[in-house]
Each structure stands twice: as structure tokens, then as C-alpha cells.
């Protein structure tokens, strides 16, 4: 059960508001503004405290992500936050290391995790910290191991090669039902920091290529465009010679 408690002071810092503006004061990301005040919880994505057991002290709500976070109390007295996988409870013990028991919440290099295991918080580069499979309810499956790489099947269906020394955590992330949450009023979106998005056809021609016309009208052009006149449908944005392309064995499902 999720607890809402104060947590640990040195693991929290104030999250400043940007309003979608950059250092020049110009809007660089639209539809951002407002938001309730919140703290940022410093999450241990690296899981690099090897061979020291820890106990789950509490499971807390985190306003910065969909998944819950767990506060770990290590045997040497240090405290850290981690992402909570399903079935992890208060009082459970977790550990990270080279060769550990394959149990929910434990972390180990991919080369030591059996084929077929579901993992989350996966590193892209050894020592950099988890970058893949971090959203609520997600999990990636270890498919195969070959020549220093592990094939990982993502939630999207993409199969990707990852360095075998990258660390991953066992289990599927918690709060998989978060996608069923419905925002019941406009204010809920504003509390989250999401400002209204206006349709291009409702704007004037000077503000959007779709704008203008009398009454309700279509976009009046062969293909939809961004506010800056760039095509939006069917336009491929991925670079052909992107370095990570050679690591993708199968593209994600459409």
C-alpha cells in the first residue's frame, strides 16, 4: 500500500519551475506552466552499492513519475530511493551485486541474469545508470546472450542488444494500472503543469498554418503542419546513421 510520508531530507531537493522557458526567457516547450509545488526525490538508478543488503523501509508516492519509489535502509546506515517493482513490500530485503539471488528488487549485470527473466531500470552503458524501462508497469525480457551482448525485448516489441555488463533490476515496475486513471476536470491537468493545447484550425493564419477561414474549416492543405510550417505526418525524424541503429535487432511494433 502506498504511503505518503515526509521521507529523508538529504534525498529530496526543490524542483524549480521553468514555465517551458529557456535561459533567454523564450518559450522552448509549449503547453507547460503552473503546477503544484513539489520536491524531486533523488533516485538511485545506478544500483552500484554492491553486496550490501538493504531493507525496504517505506513505499512512497513520487509526483515526478508514474511508478512508486521505495526508501531503502542499507546495513551500513545509508538510505537511498529506488523504483518499486510489483510485489515488493515494506520489510523485504534487496541487494545488488555480480552474483545475487534472482529475486524481485535485486540488481545484477545482464550477463548474470537468466534468459527469460523480466527486468527494469536497464543501463544503456555500464555505470551510467538505468535509462531503459523506467515507466510504471513496464518490463523488458532477457531473450539471448551472445558475444558480450544481451538481447532485450522491450515493452514496445523492439529487440535491442545491450552490453552484458550493464546492470538491470529484476521484476516488472509497479502501478501498471496508472494508464486507467482518468483526469476528471481541467484543473487536474493544471496541477500537473500542463497548460491547454489549442487546435491549429482554431487559430488565426498568423499563428498557425492551419488557421483562418470562416466558421469551422479544414486545414486546407495536403498534409498537416506544425506551427512552424514543418510536415507532421509521415515525416521520419530518426537519423539514418544514428550510432544506436546497429544495436536494434527488430523494430518496435506499429
Protein backbone atom coordinates (compact mmCIF):
# COMPACT_ATOMS: atom_id res chain seq x y z
CA UNK A 1 0.00 0.00 0.00
CA UNK A 2 1.35 3.45 -0.93
CA UNK A 3 2.38 5.64 1.97
CA UNK A 4 2.62 9.44 1.79
CA UNK A 5 5.35 10.39 4.27
CA UNK A 6 7.95 13.13 4.58
CA UNK A 7 10.89 10.92 3.52
CA UNK A 8 14.56 11.81 4.01
CA UNK A 9 15.69 15.44 3.75
CA UNK A 10 19.03 14.85 2.03
CA UNK A 11 17.32 12.71 -0.64
CA UNK A 12 14.93 15.50 -1.66
CA UNK A 13 15.51 18.83 -3.34
CA UNK A 14 13.20 21.60 -4.53
CA UNK A 15 12.19 21.21 -8.17
CA UNK A 16 12.22 24.64 -9.79
CA UNK A 17 9.58 25.71 -12.29
CA UNK A 18 10.58 26.76 -15.83
CA UNK A 19 7.20 27.52 -17.38
CA UNK A 20 8.61 25.96 -20.57
CA UNK A 21 11.04 28.89 -20.96
CA UNK A 22 14.73 28.59 -21.79
CA UNK A 23 17.61 30.72 -20.43
CA UNK A 24 16.63 33.51 -22.84
CA UNK A 25 13.09 33.65 -21.44
CA UNK A 26 11.59 32.34 -24.68
CA UNK A 27 9.04 29.52 -24.76
CA UNK A 28 11.03 26.47 -25.88
CA UNK A 29 8.46 23.85 -24.84
CA UNK A 30 4.80 24.73 -25.29
CA UNK A 31 1.88 23.85 -23.01
CA UNK A 32 3.93 23.95 -19.79
CA UNK A 33 3.12 26.22 -16.84
CA UNK A 34 1.62 26.43 -13.37
CA UNK A 35 1.95 23.12 -11.48
CA UNK A 36 1.76 22.35 -7.81
CA UNK A 37 4.96 22.79 -5.80
CA UNK A 38 6.88 19.53 -5.43
CA UNK A 39 10.15 18.03 -4.26
CA UNK A 40 12.40 15.99 -6.52
CA UNK A 41 13.34 12.63 -4.99
CA UNK A 42 16.93 11.61 -5.82
CA UNK A 43 16.55 8.08 -7.21
CA UNK A 44 19.39 5.54 -7.25
CA UNK A 45 19.29 4.49 -10.92
CA UNK A 46 22.84 3.10 -10.78
CA UNK A 47 22.25 0.45 -8.07
CA UNK A 48 26.02 0.42 -7.58
CA UNK A 49 26.13 -0.28 -3.84
CA UNK A 50 27.24 -3.89 -4.29
CA UNK A 51 26.99 -6.77 -1.82
CA UNK A 52 25.43 -4.69 0.98
CA UNK A 53 21.93 -5.81 1.93
CA UNK A 54 19.16 -3.28 2.44
CA UNK A 55 15.64 -3.31 3.82
CA UNK A 56 12.59 -1.59 2.35
CA UNK A 57 11.57 0.99 4.97
CA UNK A 58 8.65 2.56 3.09
CA UNK A 59 6.94 2.69 -0.28
CA UNK A 60 6.07 6.26 -1.27
CA UNK A 61 4.25 8.21 -3.95
CA UNK A 62 6.53 10.25 -6.22
CA UNK A 63 4.94 13.22 -8.03
CA UNK A 64 7.70 13.20 -10.67
CA UNK A 65 6.97 9.76 -12.16
CA UNK A 66 4.21 7.19 -12.62
CA UNK A 67 5.91 4.41 -10.64
CA UNK A 68 6.16 4.45 -6.84
CA UNK A 69 9.52 4.70 -5.08
CA UNK A 70 10.89 2.70 -2.15
CA UNK A 71 13.16 4.01 0.59
CA UNK A 72 15.97 1.53 1.30
CA UNK A 73 17.89 1.41 4.55
CA UNK A 74 21.30 -0.23 3.93
CA UNK A 75 23.17 -2.26 6.53
CA UNK A 76 25.85 0.48 6.79
CA UNK A 77 23.21 3.12 7.61
CA UNK A 78 22.92 4.81 4.19
CA UNK A 79 19.45 5.47 2.74
CA UNK A 80 18.53 5.53 -0.96
CA UNK A 81 15.39 5.66 -3.11
CA UNK A 82 14.77 3.07 -5.85
CA UNK A 83 11.88 2.39 -8.25
CA UNK A 84 9.38 -0.11 -6.88
CA UNK A 85 8.74 -3.35 -8.80
CA UNK A 86 5.48 -5.24 -8.34
CA UNK A 87 5.18 -7.45 -5.23
CA UNK A 88 7.96 -5.60 -3.35
CA UNK A 89 6.71 -4.87 0.16
CA UNK A 90 7.84 -2.99 3.26
CA UNK A 91 10.25 -5.19 5.23
CA UNK A 92 11.62 -7.04 2.17
CA UNK A 93 15.38 -7.23 1.69
CA UNK A 94 17.05 -6.35 -1.62
CA UNK A 95 20.67 -6.38 -2.74
CA UNK A 96 22.72 -5.61 -5.82
CA UNK A 97 25.89 -7.40 -6.90
CA UNK A 98 27.61 -9.53 -9.52
CA UNK A 99 26.11 -12.83 -8.41
CA UNK A 100 22.96 -12.49 -6.37
CA UNK A 101 19.69 -14.37 -5.93
CA UNK A 102 17.30 -13.78 -8.84
CA UNK A 103 14.54 -12.13 -6.84
CA UNK A 104 12.29 -9.12 -7.37
CA UNK A 105 14.11 -5.89 -6.46
CA UNK A 106 17.62 -7.29 -6.70
CA UNK A 107 20.03 -5.82 -9.28
CA UNK A 108 22.82 -7.51 -11.24
CA UNK A 109 24.69 -7.28 -14.57
CA UNK A 110 22.70 -8.66 -17.50
CA UNK A 111 25.28 -11.43 -18.10
CA UNK A 112 24.33 -12.94 -14.71
CA UNK A 113 20.56 -12.74 -15.23
CA UNK A 114 18.97 -15.91 -16.72
CA UNK A 115 17.29 -15.86 -20.15
CA UNK A 116 13.53 -15.26 -19.87
CA UNK A 117 13.79 -13.02 -16.79
CA UNK A 118 11.79 -9.75 -16.77
CA UNK A 119 13.88 -6.72 -15.80
CA UNK A 120 13.53 -2.94 -15.49
CA UNK A 121 15.77 0.13 -14.97
CA UNK A 122 18.27 -1.14 -17.54
CA UNK A 123 21.53 0.67 -18.28
CA UNK A 124 22.48 1.56 -21.87
CA UNK A 125 26.14 1.99 -20.95
CA UNK A 126 27.89 0.28 -17.99
CA UNK A 127 27.99 2.55 -14.95
CA UNK A 128 25.81 5.29 -16.41
CA UNK A 129 22.64 4.34 -14.53
CA UNK A 130 19.33 2.93 -15.73
CA UNK A 131 17.85 4.63 -18.79
CA UNK A 132 15.53 1.98 -20.25
CA UNK A 133 12.25 0.54 -18.89
CA UNK A 134 11.58 3.03 -16.11
CA UNK A 135 7.87 3.85 -16.54
CA UNK A 136 5.05 2.35 -14.45
CA UNK A 137 4.05 -1.20 -15.38
CA UNK A 138 6.92 -1.70 -17.84
CA UNK A 139 9.32 -4.62 -18.07
CA UNK A 140 11.84 -5.95 -20.60
CA UNK A 141 12.62 -9.62 -21.19
CA UNK A 142 16.11 -11.11 -21.49
CA UNK A 143 15.96 -13.04 -24.80
CA UNK A 144 19.51 -14.26 -25.56
CA UNK A 145 23.22 -13.80 -24.81
CA UNK A 146 25.95 -13.70 -27.46
CA UNK A 147 29.46 -12.26 -27.86
CA UNK A 148 29.37 -9.82 -24.96
CA UNK A 149 25.83 -8.59 -25.65
CA UNK A 150 22.40 -9.46 -24.28
CA UNK A 151 19.28 -9.26 -26.47
CA UNK A 152 16.48 -7.49 -24.64
CA UNK A 153 12.85 -7.39 -25.77
CA UNK A 154 11.29 -4.05 -24.84
CA UNK A 155 7.66 -3.39 -23.90
CA UNK A 156 7.15 -1.87 -27.36
CA UNK A 157 8.27 -5.10 -29.10
CA UNK A 158 11.68 -3.71 -30.09
CA UNK A 159 14.57 -6.14 -29.62
CA UNK A 160 17.84 -4.41 -28.78
CA UNK A 161 21.39 -5.51 -27.98
CA UNK A 162 22.77 -4.25 -24.65
CA UNK A 163 26.29 -4.63 -23.23
CA UNK A 164 26.33 -7.64 -20.89
CA UNK A 165 27.98 -5.60 -18.10
CA UNK A 166 25.02 -3.19 -17.89
CA UNK A 167 23.08 -3.50 -14.64
CA UNK A 168 19.36 -4.22 -14.56
CA UNK A 169 16.84 -4.76 -11.75
CA UNK A 170 14.65 -7.86 -11.53
CA UNK A 171 10.87 -7.55 -11.90
CA UNK A 172 8.09 -5.52 -13.54
CA UNK A 173 7.60 -1.95 -12.31
CA UNK A 174 4.67 -1.12 -10.06
CA UNK A 175 1.44 0.81 -10.81
CA UNK A 176 0.74 -0.82 -14.16
CA UNK A 177 -2.87 0.36 -13.84
CA UNK A 178 -1.83 4.03 -13.97
CA UNK A 179 -2.98 4.16 -17.60
CA UNK A 180 -6.57 3.68 -16.37
CA UNK A 181 -6.55 6.87 -14.29
CA UNK A 182 -8.90 9.48 -15.72
CA UNK A 183 -8.49 13.20 -15.19
CA UNK A 184 -11.97 14.32 -14.16
CA UNK A 185 -11.54 18.07 -14.52
CA UNK A 186 -9.36 20.59 -16.32
CA UNK A 187 -7.81 21.64 -13.01
CA UNK A 188 -6.16 18.24 -12.59
CA UNK A 189 -4.08 18.84 -15.71
CA UNK A 190 -3.16 22.32 -14.49
CA UNK A 191 -1.99 20.86 -11.16
CA UNK A 192 0.32 18.61 -13.20
CA UNK A 193 1.77 21.63 -15.00
CA UNK A 194 0.06 21.01 -18.36
CA UNK A 195 -1.38 24.14 -19.97
CA UNK A 196 -4.12 23.96 -22.63
CA UNK A 197 -3.20 22.88 -26.15
CA UNK A 198 -5.18 24.78 -28.79
CA UNK A 199 -6.05 23.30 -32.20
CA UNK A 200 -4.31 24.92 -35.13
CA UNK A 201 -7.60 25.36 -37.05
CA UNK A 202 -8.93 27.47 -34.18
CA UNK A 203 -6.07 29.97 -34.53
CA UNK A 204 -5.51 32.86 -36.88
CA UNK A 205 -3.35 32.42 -40.03
CA UNK A 206 -0.51 34.41 -38.45
CA UNK A 207 -0.30 31.96 -35.53
CA UNK A 208 -0.64 28.62 -37.35
CA UNK A 209 -0.61 27.30 -40.96
CA UNK A 210 -4.00 25.64 -40.29
CA UNK A 211 -5.59 28.89 -39.12
CA UNK A 212 -8.03 31.21 -40.83
CA UNK A 213 -11.26 30.64 -42.73
CA UNK A 214 -14.84 31.46 -41.89
CA UNK A 215 -16.50 29.30 -39.25
CA UNK A 216 -15.34 25.73 -38.86
CA UNK A 217 -12.99 24.68 -41.63
CA UNK A 218 -10.48 22.01 -42.52
CA UNK A 219 -6.73 22.51 -42.57
CA UNK A 220 -6.85 23.46 -46.25
CA UNK A 221 -3.60 21.82 -47.29
CA UNK A 222 -2.27 18.46 -48.50
CA UNK A 223 -0.60 17.48 -45.22
CA UNK A 224 -0.82 18.72 -41.61
CA UNK A 225 1.95 21.06 -40.45
CA UNK A 226 3.48 22.26 -37.21
CA UNK A 227 3.08 25.89 -36.12
CA UNK A 228 6.41 26.49 -37.85
CA UNK A 229 5.33 25.02 -41.20
CA UNK A 230 7.07 21.62 -40.98
CA UNK A 231 5.23 18.44 -42.05
CA UNK A 232 3.97 16.35 -39.14
CA UNK A 233 2.54 13.12 -40.62
CA UNK A 234 4.75 10.56 -42.35
CA UNK A 235 7.87 12.64 -41.87
CA UNK A 236 10.63 10.43 -40.50
CA UNK A 237 12.66 12.10 -37.76
CA UNK A 238 15.18 9.38 -36.92
CA UNK A 239 18.68 9.86 -38.34
CA UNK A 240 19.77 7.19 -40.86
CA UNK A 241 23.28 6.88 -39.48
CA UNK A 242 22.38 7.01 -35.78
CA UNK A 243 25.02 5.02 -33.82
CA UNK A 244 22.42 3.01 -31.91
CA UNK A 245 20.79 1.70 -35.11
CA UNK A 246 23.24 -1.21 -35.24
CA UNK A 247 22.09 -2.27 -31.74
CA UNK A 248 18.44 -2.68 -32.80
CA UNK A 249 17.71 -6.22 -33.97
CA UNK A 250 13.96 -5.75 -34.56
CA UNK A 251 11.99 -2.51 -34.71
CA UNK A 252 9.09 -1.86 -32.37
CA UNK A 253 5.59 -2.96 -33.34
CA UNK A 254 3.39 -0.42 -35.07
